[in-house]
Amino acid sequence: MELIRPLYFVKEEDIIKWRDKNSLEFIECACKFTEDYANKKKSSKREEIKALIKKLCEDYENVDVNIFNSVQNVNLDTIISYHKNGETHHFLDNYKL
């Protein structure tokens, strides 16, 4: 399975402008979390991360793009461990202990 994020590079502000220009309303999820979040009873990790990335963008140009690109530039020889086809692979597997 391949994870596809086709709207990743579309800025949220642009989506909101498009929504407003077309007089659209986004539907809310019917789960308990959404209800609590809307009533400010809980904070969202997604909102926390968005705020963090926004803050980082003030100091580092293109940090959001660099974060996204980092998941595409993985060298498995430098990863401590990873899962593939239901198996865990560890860098120590390549050494006799």
PDB file of N, CA and C in Angstrom:
ATOM      1  N   MET A   1       0.850  -1.167   0.000  1.00  0.00           N
ATOM      2  CA  MET A   1       0.000   0.000   0.000  1.00  0.00           C
ATOM      3  C   MET A   1       0.895   1.229   0.000  1.00  0.00           C
ATOM      4  N   GLU A   2       0.518   2.210  -0.770  1.00  0.00           N
ATOM      5  CA  GLU A   2       1.281   3.454  -0.820  1.00  0.00           C
ATOM      6  C   GLU A   2       0.421   4.573  -0.258  1.00  0.00           C
ATOM      7  N   LEU A   3       0.983   5.322   0.662  1.00  0.00           N
ATOM      8  CA  LEU A   3       0.270   6.444   1.253  1.00  0.00           C
ATOM      9  C   LEU A   3       0.438   7.660   0.343  1.00  0.00           C
ATOM     10  N   ILE A   4      -0.671   8.252  -0.045  1.00  0.00           N
ATOM     11  CA  ILE A   4      -0.636   9.389  -0.958  1.00  0.00           C
ATOM     12  C   ILE A   4      -1.250  10.592  -0.254  1.00  0.00           C
ATOM     13  N   ARG A   5      -0.564  11.687  -0.274  1.00  0.00           N
ATOM     14  CA  ARG A   5      -1.051  12.936   0.307  1.00  0.00           C
ATOM     15  C   ARG A   5      -1.107  13.988  -0.792  1.00  0.00           C
ATOM     16  N   PRO A   6      -2.104  13.919  -1.689  1.00  0.00           N
ATOM     17  CA  PRO A   6      -2.110  14.805  -2.857  1.00  0.00           C
ATOM     18  C   PRO A   6      -2.268  16.280  -2.522  1.00  0.00           C
ATOM     19  N   LEU A   7      -2.832  16.617  -1.379  1.00  0.00           N
ATOM     20  CA  LEU A   7      -3.030  18.023  -1.034  1.00  0.00           C
ATOM     21  C   LEU A   7      -2.000  18.537  -0.033  1.00  0.00           C
ATOM     22  N   TYR A   8      -0.944  17.775   0.197  1.00  0.00           N
ATOM     23  CA  TYR A   8       0.030  18.178   1.199  1.00  0.00           C
ATOM     24  C   TYR A   8       0.610  19.556   0.912  1.00  0.00           C
ATOM     25  N   PHE A   9       0.924  19.829  -0.338  1.00  0.00           N
ATOM     26  CA  PHE A   9       1.568  21.092  -0.679  1.00  0.00           C
ATOM     27  C   PHE A   9       0.583  22.237  -0.867  1.00  0.00           C
ATOM     28  N   VAL A  10      -0.695  21.980  -0.696  1.00  0.00           N
ATOM     29  CA  VAL A  10      -1.694  23.043  -0.761  1.00  0.00           C
ATOM     30  C   VAL A  10      -1.813  23.622   0.643  1.00  0.00           C
ATOM     31  N   LYS A  11      -1.567  24.895   0.761  1.00  0.00           N
ATOM     32  CA  LYS A  11      -1.602  25.547   2.074  1.00  0.00           C
ATOM     33  C   LYS A  11      -3.027  25.612   2.614  1.00  0.00           C
ATOM     34  N   GLU A  12      -3.166  25.423   3.904  1.00  0.00           N
ATOM     35  CA  GLU A  12      -4.480  25.428   4.540  1.00  0.00           C
ATOM     36  C   GLU A  12      -5.215  26.746   4.298  1.00  0.00           C
ATOM     37  N   GLU A  13      -4.476  27.853   4.320  1.00  0.00           N
ATOM     38  CA  GLU A  13      -5.102  29.151   4.080  1.00  0.00           C
ATOM     39  C   GLU A  13      -5.758  29.198   2.698  1.00  0.00           C
ATOM     40  N   ASP A  14      -5.109  28.570   1.707  1.00  0.00           N
ATOM     41  CA  ASP A  14      -5.668  28.537   0.352  1.00  0.00           C
ATOM     42  C   ASP A  14      -6.932  27.680   0.287  1.00  0.00           C
ATOM     43  N   ILE A  15      -6.934  26.592   1.037  1.00  0.00           N
ATOM     44  CA  ILE A  15      -8.123  25.735   1.088  1.00  0.00           C
ATOM     45  C   ILE A  15      -9.279  26.500   1.721  1.00  0.00           C
ATOM     46  N   ILE A  16      -8.996  27.228   2.781  1.00  0.00           N
ATOM     47  CA  ILE A  16     -10.037  28.011   3.457  1.00  0.00           C
ATOM     48  C   ILE A  16     -10.570  29.098   2.530  1.00  0.00           C
ATOM     49  N   LYS A  17      -9.679  29.779   1.811  1.00  0.00           N
ATOM     50  CA  LYS A  17     -10.117  30.807   0.852  1.00  0.00           C
ATOM     51  C   LYS A  17     -10.994  30.195  -0.232  1.00  0.00           C
ATOM     52  N   TRP A  18     -10.599  29.030  -0.746  1.00  0.00           N
ATOM     53  CA  TRP A  18     -11.370  28.342  -1.783  1.00  0.00           C
ATOM     54  C   TRP A  18     -12.745  27.949  -1.248  1.00  0.00           C
ATOM     55  N   ARG A  19     -12.753  27.424  -0.015  1.00  0.00           N
ATOM     56  CA  ARG A  19     -14.022  27.049   0.628  1.00  0.00           C
ATOM     57  C   ARG A  19     -14.948  28.255   0.734  1.00  0.00           C
ATOM     58  N   ASP A  20     -14.397  29.369   1.222  1.00  0.00           N
ATOM     59  CA  ASP A  20     -15.214  30.570   1.420  1.00  0.00           C
ATOM     60  C   ASP A  20     -15.690  31.161   0.095  1.00  0.00           C
ATOM     61  N   LYS A  21     -14.806  31.162  -0.900  1.00  0.00           N
ATOM     62  CA  LYS A  21     -15.164  31.704  -2.212  1.00  0.00           C
ATOM     63  C   LYS A  21     -16.317  30.920  -2.836  1.00  0.00           C
ATOM     64  N   ASN A  22     -16.352  29.616  -2.576  1.00  0.00           N
ATOM     65  CA  ASN A  22     -17.376  28.751  -3.150  1.00  0.00           C
ATOM     66  C   ASN A  22     -18.545  28.494  -2.192  1.00  0.00           C
ATOM     67  N   SER A  23     -18.570  29.250  -1.106  1.00  0.00           N
ATOM     68  CA  SER A  23     -19.640  29.138  -0.108  1.00  0.00           C
ATOM     69  C   SER A  23     -19.877  27.691   0.333  1.00  0.00           C
ATOM     70  N   LEU A  24     -18.797  27.007   0.639  1.00  0.00           N
ATOM     71  CA  LEU A  24     -18.885  25.613   1.077  1.00  0.00           C
ATOM     72  C   LEU A  24     -18.728  25.520   2.592  1.00  0.00           C
ATOM     73  N   GLU A  25     -19.234  24.456   3.139  1.00  0.00           N
ATOM     74  CA  GLU A  25     -19.040  24.155   4.550  1.00  0.00           C
ATOM     75  C   GLU A  25     -18.392  22.785   4.651  1.00  0.00           C
ATOM     76  N   PHE A  26     -17.370  22.688   5.458  1.00  0.00           N
ATOM     77  CA  PHE A  26     -16.740  21.393   5.672  1.00  0.00           C
ATOM     78  C   PHE A  26     -17.505  20.659   6.756  1.00  0.00           C
ATOM     79  N   ILE A  27     -17.731  19.371   6.552  1.00  0.00           N
ATOM     80  CA  ILE A  27     -18.441  18.593   7.559  1.00  0.00           C
ATOM     81  C   ILE A  27     -17.465  18.212   8.671  1.00  0.00           C
ATOM     82  N   GLU A  28     -17.983  18.095   9.847  1.00  0.00           N
ATOM     83  CA  GLU A  28     -17.181  17.691  10.990  1.00  0.00           C
ATOM     84  C   GLU A  28     -17.356  16.197  11.213  1.00  0.00           C
ATOM     85  N   CYS A  29     -16.327  15.577  11.687  1.00  0.00           N
ATOM     86  CA  CYS A  29     -16.388  14.171  12.054  1.00  0.00           C
ATOM     87  C   CYS A  29     -17.378  14.028  13.213  1.00  0.00           C
ATOM     88  N   ALA A  30     -18.079  12.929  13.267  1.00  0.00           N
ATOM     89  CA  ALA A  30     -19.092  12.726  14.306  1.00  0.00           C
ATOM     90  C   ALA A  30     -18.526  12.072  15.563  1.00  0.00           C
ATOM     91  N   CYS A  31     -17.223  11.961  15.661  1.00  0.00           N
ATOM     92  CA  CYS A  31     -16.644  11.272  16.815  1.00  0.00           C
ATOM     93  C   CYS A  31     -16.630  12.168  18.053  1.00  0.00           C
ATOM     94  N   LYS A  32     -16.475  11.560  19.209  1.00  0.00           N
ATOM     95  CA  LYS A  32     -16.472  12.266  20.493  1.00  0.00           C
ATOM     96  C   LYS A  32     -15.334  13.278  20.548  1.00  0.00           C
ATOM     97  N   PHE A  33     -14.184  12.944  19.999  1.00  0.00           N
ATOM     98  CA  PHE A  33     -13.048  13.867  20.035  1.00  0.00           C
ATOM     99  C   PHE A  33     -13.388  15.177  19.343  1.00  0.00           C
ATOM    100  N   THR A  34     -14.011  15.108  18.178  1.00  0.00           N
ATOM    101  CA  THR A  34     -14.353  16.314  17.433  1.00  0.00           C
ATOM    102  C   THR A  34     -15.287  17.199  18.252  1.00  0.00           C
ATOM    103  N   GLU A  35     -16.236  16.584  18.918  1.00  0.00           N
ATOM    104  CA  GLU A  35     -17.172  17.333  19.756  1.00  0.00           C
ATOM    105  C   GLU A  35     -16.429  18.032  20.897  1.00  0.00           C
ATOM    106  N   ASP A  36     -15.545  17.285  21.579  1.00  0.00           N
ATOM    107  CA  ASP A  36     -14.773  17.867  22.685  1.00  0.00           C
ATOM    108  C   ASP A  36     -13.829  18.951  22.187  1.00  0.00           C
ATOM    109  N   TYR A  37     -13.222  18.730  21.034  1.00  0.00           N
ATOM    110  CA  TYR A  37     -12.291  19.704  20.466  1.00  0.00           C
ATOM    111  C   TYR A  37     -13.031  20.983  20.088  1.00  0.00           C
ATOM    112  N   ALA A  38     -14.188  20.854  19.485  1.00  0.00           N
ATOM    113  CA  ALA A  38     -14.976  22.022  19.093  1.00  0.00           C
ATOM    114  C   ALA A  38     -15.404  22.823  20.310  1.00  0.00           C
ATOM    115  N   ASN A  39     -15.634  22.140  21.422  1.00  0.00           N
ATOM    116  CA  ASN A  39     -16.031  22.808  22.663  1.00  0.00           C
ATOM    117  C   ASN A  39     -14.825  23.201  23.519  1.00  0.00           C
ATOM    118  N   LYS A  40     -13.624  23.076  22.954  1.00  0.00           N
ATOM    119  CA  LYS A  40     -12.364  23.461  23.618  1.00  0.00           C
ATOM    120  C   LYS A  40     -12.101  22.679  24.911  1.00  0.00           C
ATOM    121  N   LYS A  41     -12.663  21.452  24.997  1.00  0.00           N
ATOM    122  CA  LYS A  41     -12.402  20.618  26.166  1.00  0.00           C
ATOM    123  C   LYS A  41     -11.067  19.893  26.026  1.00  0.00           C
ATOM    124  N   LYS A  42     -10.639  19.688  24.801  1.00  0.00           N
ATOM    125  CA  LYS A  42      -9.390  18.988  24.535  1.00  0.00           C
ATOM    126  C   LYS A  42      -8.635  19.740  23.450  1.00  0.00           C
ATOM    127  N   SER A  43      -7.319  19.560  23.462  1.00  0.00           N
ATOM    128  CA  SER A  43      -6.526  20.118  22.373  1.00  0.00           C
ATOM    129  C   SER A  43      -6.158  18.984  21.426  1.00  0.00           C
ATOM    130  N   SER A  44      -5.874  19.343  20.224  1.00  0.00           N
ATOM    131  CA  SER A  44      -5.555  18.365  19.196  1.00  0.00           C
ATOM    132  C   SER A  44      -4.053  18.336  18.960  1.00  0.00           C
ATOM    133  N   LYS A  45      -3.478  17.148  18.885  1.00  0.00           N
ATOM    134  CA  LYS A  45      -2.059  17.031  18.540  1.00  0.00           C
ATOM    135  C   LYS A  45      -1.816  17.611  17.150  1.00  0.00           C
ATOM    136  N   ARG A  46      -2.791  17.438  16.262  1.00  0.00           N
ATOM    137  CA  ARG A  46      -2.669  17.998  14.916  1.00  0.00           C
ATOM    138  C   ARG A  46      -2.523  19.519  15.001  1.00  0.00           C
ATOM    139  N   GLU A  47      -3.339  20.162  15.833  1.00  0.00           N
ATOM    140  CA  GLU A  47      -3.249  21.615  16.002  1.00  0.00           C
ATOM    141  C   GLU A  47      -1.917  22.011  16.628  1.00  0.00           C
ATOM    142  N   GLU A  48      -1.449  21.231  17.602  1.00  0.00           N
ATOM    143  CA  GLU A  48      -0.158  21.517  18.232  1.00  0.00           C
ATOM    144  C   GLU A  48       0.972  21.447  17.210  1.00  0.00           C
ATOM    145  N   ILE A  49       0.961  20.415  16.365  1.00  0.00           N
ATOM    146  CA  ILE A  49       2.015  20.246  15.361  1.00  0.00           C
ATOM    147  C   ILE A  49       1.927  21.341  14.304  1.00  0.00           C
ATOM    148  N   LYS A  50       0.699  21.707  13.900  1.00  0.00           N
ATOM    149  CA  LYS A  50       0.545  22.811  12.945  1.00  0.00           C
ATOM    150  C   LYS A  50       1.139  24.097  13.504  1.00  0.00           C
ATOM    151  N   ALA A  51       0.898  24.364  14.789  1.00  0.00           N
ATOM    152  CA  ALA A  51       1.450  25.563  15.430  1.00  0.00           C
ATOM    153  C   ALA A  51       2.975  25.487  15.494  1.00  0.00           C
ATOM    154  N   LEU A  52       3.504  24.310  15.789  1.00  0.00           N
ATOM    155  CA  LEU A  52       4.958  24.130  15.846  1.00  0.00           C
ATOM    156  C   LEU A  52       5.593  24.373  14.478  1.00  0.00           C
ATOM    157  N   ILE A  53       5.008  23.790  13.445  1.00  0.00           N
ATOM    158  CA  ILE A  53       5.549  23.976  12.095  1.00  0.00           C
ATOM    159  C   ILE A  53       5.441  25.441  11.673  1.00  0.00           C
ATOM    160  N   LYS A  54       4.343  26.090  12.016  1.00  0.00           N
ATOM    161  CA  LYS A  54       4.189  27.512  11.700  1.00  0.00           C
ATOM    162  C   LYS A  54       5.294  28.332  12.367  1.00  0.00           C
ATOM    163  N   LYS A  55       5.583  28.023  13.635  1.00  0.00           N
ATOM    164  CA  LYS A  55       6.650  28.720  14.369  1.00  0.00           C
ATOM    165  C   LYS A  55       7.999  28.450  13.725  1.00  0.00           C
ATOM    166  N   LEU A  56       8.262  27.204  13.358  1.00  0.00           N
ATOM    167  CA  LEU A  56       9.534  26.853  12.724  1.00  0.00           C
ATOM    168  C   LEU A  56       9.691  27.563  11.380  1.00  0.00           C
ATOM    169  N   CYS A  57       8.589  27.720  10.651  1.00  0.00           N
ATOM    170  CA  CYS A  57       8.638  28.397   9.344  1.00  0.00           C
ATOM    171  C   CYS A  57       9.049  29.863   9.481  1.00  0.00           C
ATOM    172  N   GLU A  58       8.799  30.460  10.644  1.00  0.00           N
ATOM    173  CA  GLU A  58       9.218  31.840  10.866  1.00  0.00           C
ATOM    174  C   GLU A  58      10.735  31.960  10.878  1.00  0.00           C
ATOM    175  N   ASP A  59      11.418  30.907  11.344  1.00  0.00           N
ATOM    176  CA  ASP A  59      12.881  30.933  11.464  1.00  0.00           C
ATOM    177  C   ASP A  59      13.608  30.182  10.355  1.00  0.00           C
ATOM    178  N   TYR A  60      12.947  29.199   9.759  1.00  0.00           N
ATOM    179  CA  TYR A  60      13.600  28.344   8.762  1.00  0.00           C
ATOM    180  C   TYR A  60      12.732  28.260   7.514  1.00  0.00           C
ATOM    181  N   GLU A  61      13.237  28.797   6.430  1.00  0.00           N
ATOM    182  CA  GLU A  61      12.492  28.794   5.170  1.00  0.00           C
ATOM    183  C   GLU A  61      12.259  27.361   4.697  1.00  0.00           C
ATOM    184  N   ASN A  62      11.060  27.080   4.245  1.00  0.00           N
ATOM    185  CA  ASN A  62      10.688  25.779   3.669  1.00  0.00           C
ATOM    186  C   ASN A  62      10.798  24.607   4.634  1.00  0.00           C
ATOM    187  N   VAL A  63      10.724  24.855   5.934  1.00  0.00           N
ATOM    188  CA  VAL A  63      10.845  23.747   6.881  1.00  0.00           C
ATOM    189  C   VAL A  63       9.732  22.728   6.671  1.00  0.00           C
ATOM    190  N   ASP A  64       8.535  23.180   6.316  1.00  0.00           N
ATOM    191  CA  ASP A  64       7.428  22.244   6.098  1.00  0.00           C
ATOM    192  C   ASP A  64       7.704  21.330   4.913  1.00  0.00           C
ATOM    193  N   VAL A  65       8.252  21.876   3.850  1.00  0.00           N
ATOM    194  CA  VAL A  65       8.600  21.086   2.665  1.00  0.00           C
ATOM    195  C   VAL A  65       9.742  20.131   3.003  1.00  0.00           C
ATOM    196  N   ASN A  66      10.724  20.598   3.773  1.00  0.00           N
ATOM    197  CA  ASN A  66      11.853  19.744   4.148  1.00  0.00           C
ATOM    198  C   ASN A  66      11.408  18.569   5.013  1.00  0.00           C
ATOM    199  N   ILE A  67      10.452  18.814   5.908  1.00  0.00           N
ATOM    200  CA  ILE A  67       9.933  17.716   6.733  1.00  0.00           C
ATOM    201  C   ILE A  67       9.271  16.671   5.842  1.00  0.00           C
ATOM    202  N   PHE A  68       8.444  17.120   4.902  1.00  0.00           N
ATOM    203  CA  PHE A  68       7.784  16.191   3.995  1.00  0.00           C
ATOM    204  C   PHE A  68       8.803  15.424   3.146  1.00  0.00           C
ATOM    205  N   ASN A  69       9.802  16.125   2.627  1.00  0.00           N
ATOM    206  CA  ASN A  69      10.812  15.469   1.787  1.00  0.00           C
ATOM    207  C   ASN A  69      11.656  14.473   2.568  1.00  0.00           C
ATOM    208  N   SER A  70      11.809  14.673   3.870  1.00  0.00           N
ATOM    209  CA  SER A  70      12.648  13.778   4.660  1.00  0.00           C
ATOM    210  C   SER A  70      12.131  12.351   4.670  1.00  0.00           C
ATOM    211  N   VAL A  71      10.832  12.146   4.526  1.00  0.00           N
ATOM    212  CA  VAL A  71      10.302  10.788   4.512  1.00  0.00           C
ATOM    213  C   VAL A  71      10.521  10.102   3.173  1.00  0.00           C
ATOM    214  N   GLN A  72      10.970  10.861   2.187  1.00  0.00           N
ATOM    215  CA  GLN A  72      11.247  10.278   0.876  1.00  0.00           C
ATOM    216  C   GLN A  72      12.730   9.976   0.683  1.00  0.00           C
ATOM    217  N   ASN A  73      13.557  10.482   1.568  1.00  0.00           N
ATOM    218  CA  ASN A  73      15.001  10.341   1.420  1.00  0.00           C
ATOM    219  C   ASN A  73      15.586   9.434   2.494  1.00  0.00           C
ATOM    220  N   VAL A  74      14.963   8.293   2.705  1.00  0.00           N
ATOM    221  CA  VAL A  74      15.385   7.391   3.768  1.00  0.00           C
ATOM    222  C   VAL A  74      16.418   6.402   3.240  1.00  0.00           C
ATOM    223  N   ASN A  75      17.537   6.319   3.938  1.00  0.00           N
ATOM    224  CA  ASN A  75      18.572   5.338   3.630  1.00  0.00           C
ATOM    225  C   ASN A  75      18.452   4.242   4.683  1.00  0.00           C
ATOM    226  N   LEU A  76      17.952   3.066   4.285  1.00  0.00           N
ATOM    227  CA  LEU A  76      17.709   1.993   5.252  1.00  0.00           C
ATOM    228  C   LEU A  76      18.982   1.529   5.955  1.00  0.00           C
ATOM    229  N   ASP A  77      20.144   1.790   5.368  1.00  0.00           N
ATOM    230  CA  ASP A  77      21.394   1.419   6.033  1.00  0.00           C
ATOM    231  C   ASP A  77      21.674   2.283   7.257  1.00  0.00           C
ATOM    232  N   THR A  78      20.976   3.401   7.380  1.00  0.00           N
ATOM    233  CA  THR A  78      21.203   4.295   8.514  1.00  0.00           C
ATOM    234  C   THR A  78      20.063   4.254   9.535  1.00  0.00           C
ATOM    235  N   ILE A  79      19.078   3.400   9.304  1.00  0.00           N
ATOM    236  CA  ILE A  79      17.926   3.291  10.206  1.00  0.00           C
ATOM    237  C   ILE A  79      18.213   2.213  11.254  1.00  0.00           C
ATOM    238  N   ILE A  80      17.878   2.500  12.495  1.00  0.00           N
ATOM    239  CA  ILE A  80      18.128   1.528  13.567  1.00  0.00           C
ATOM    240  C   ILE A  80      17.283   0.281  13.358  1.00  0.00           C
ATOM    241  N   SER A  81      15.994   0.459  13.065  1.00  0.00           N
ATOM    242  CA  SER A  81      15.146  -0.685  12.748  1.00  0.00           C
ATOM    243  C   SER A  81      13.951  -0.206  11.936  1.00  0.00           C
ATOM    244  N   TYR A  82      13.358  -1.147  11.219  1.00  0.00           N
ATOM    245  CA  TYR A  82      12.159  -0.842  10.436  1.00  0.00           C
ATOM    246  C   TYR A  82      11.350  -2.119  10.259  1.00  0.00           C
ATOM    247  N   HIS A  83      10.084  -1.956   9.875  1.00  0.00           N
ATOM    248  CA  HIS A  83       9.185  -3.080   9.652  1.00  0.00           C
ATOM    249  C   HIS A  83       8.894  -3.181   8.164  1.00  0.00           C
ATOM    250  N   LYS A  84       8.972  -4.411   7.641  1.00  0.00           N
ATOM    251  CA  LYS A  84       8.653  -4.650   6.241  1.00  0.00           C
ATOM    252  C   LYS A  84       8.072  -6.051   6.118  1.00  0.00           C
ATOM    253  N   ASN A  85       6.931  -6.154   5.439  1.00  0.00           N
ATOM    254  CA  ASN A  85       6.264  -7.442   5.222  1.00  0.00           C
ATOM    255  C   ASN A  85       6.040  -8.199   6.528  1.00  0.00           C
ATOM    256  N   GLY A  86       5.647  -7.481   7.574  1.00  0.00           N
ATOM    257  CA  GLY A  86       5.355  -8.116   8.850  1.00  0.00           C
ATOM    258  C   GLY A  86       6.575  -8.523   9.647  1.00  0.00           C
ATOM    259  N   GLU A  87       7.757  -8.178   9.183  1.00  0.00           N
ATOM    260  CA  GLU A  87       8.995  -8.528   9.885  1.00  0.00           C
ATOM    261  C   GLU A  87       9.704  -7.267  10.349  1.00  0.00           C
ATOM    262  N   THR A  88      10.353  -7.377  11.507  1.00  0.00           N
ATOM    263  CA  THR A  88      11.169  -6.281  12.006  1.00  0.00           C
ATOM    264  C   THR A  88      12.609  -6.530  11.593  1.00  0.00           C
ATOM    265  N   HIS A  89      13.218  -5.517  11.012  1.00  0.00           N
ATOM    266  CA  HIS A  89      14.626  -5.594  10.604  1.00  0.00           C
ATOM    267  C   HIS A  89      15.410  -4.596  11.453  1.00  0.00           C
ATOM    268  N   HIS A  90      16.539  -5.030  11.961  1.00  0.00           N
ATOM    269  CA  HIS A  90      17.362  -4.203  12.841  1.00  0.00           C
ATOM    270  C   HIS A  90      18.759  -4.111  12.239  1.00  0.00           C
ATOM    271  N   PHE A  91      19.417  -2.973  12.430  1.00  0.00           N
ATOM    272  CA  PHE A  91      20.735  -2.809  11.834  1.00  0.00           C
ATOM    273  C   PHE A  91      21.734  -3.831  12.363  1.00  0.00           C
ATOM    274  N   LEU A  92      21.526  -4.340  13.570  1.00  0.00           N
ATOM    275  CA  LEU A  92      22.433  -5.345  14.122  1.00  0.00           C
ATOM    276  C   LEU A  92      22.315  -6.690  13.426  1.00  0.00           C
ATOM    277  N   ASP A  93      21.251  -6.897  12.640  1.00  0.00           N
ATOM    278  CA  ASP A  93      21.083  -8.144  11.892  1.00  0.00           C
ATOM    279  C   ASP A  93      22.234  -8.353  10.908  1.00  0.00           C
ATOM    280  N   ASN A  94      22.900  -7.285  10.515  1.00  0.00           N
ATOM    281  CA  ASN A  94      23.994  -7.358   9.550  1.00  0.00           C
ATOM    282  C   ASN A  94      25.337  -7.682  10.204  1.00  0.00           C
ATOM    283  N   TYR A  95      25.352  -7.849  11.516  1.00  0.00           N
ATOM    284  CA  TYR A  95      26.612  -8.102  12.223  1.00  0.00           C
ATOM    285  C   TYR A  95      26.513  -9.410  12.995  1.00  0.00           C
ATOM    286  N   LYS A  96      27.623 -10.118  13.085  1.00  0.00           N
ATOM    287  CA  LYS A  96      27.670 -11.325  13.906  1.00  0.00           C
ATOM    288  C   LYS A  96      27.963 -10.894  15.335  1.00  0.00           C
ATOM    289  N   LEU A  97      27.099 -11.293  16.251  1.00  0.00           N
ATOM    290  CA  LEU A  97      27.271 -10.920  17.654  1.00  0.00           C
ATOM    291  C   LEU A  97      27.739 -12.076  18.473  1.00  0.00           C
TER     292      LEU A  97
END
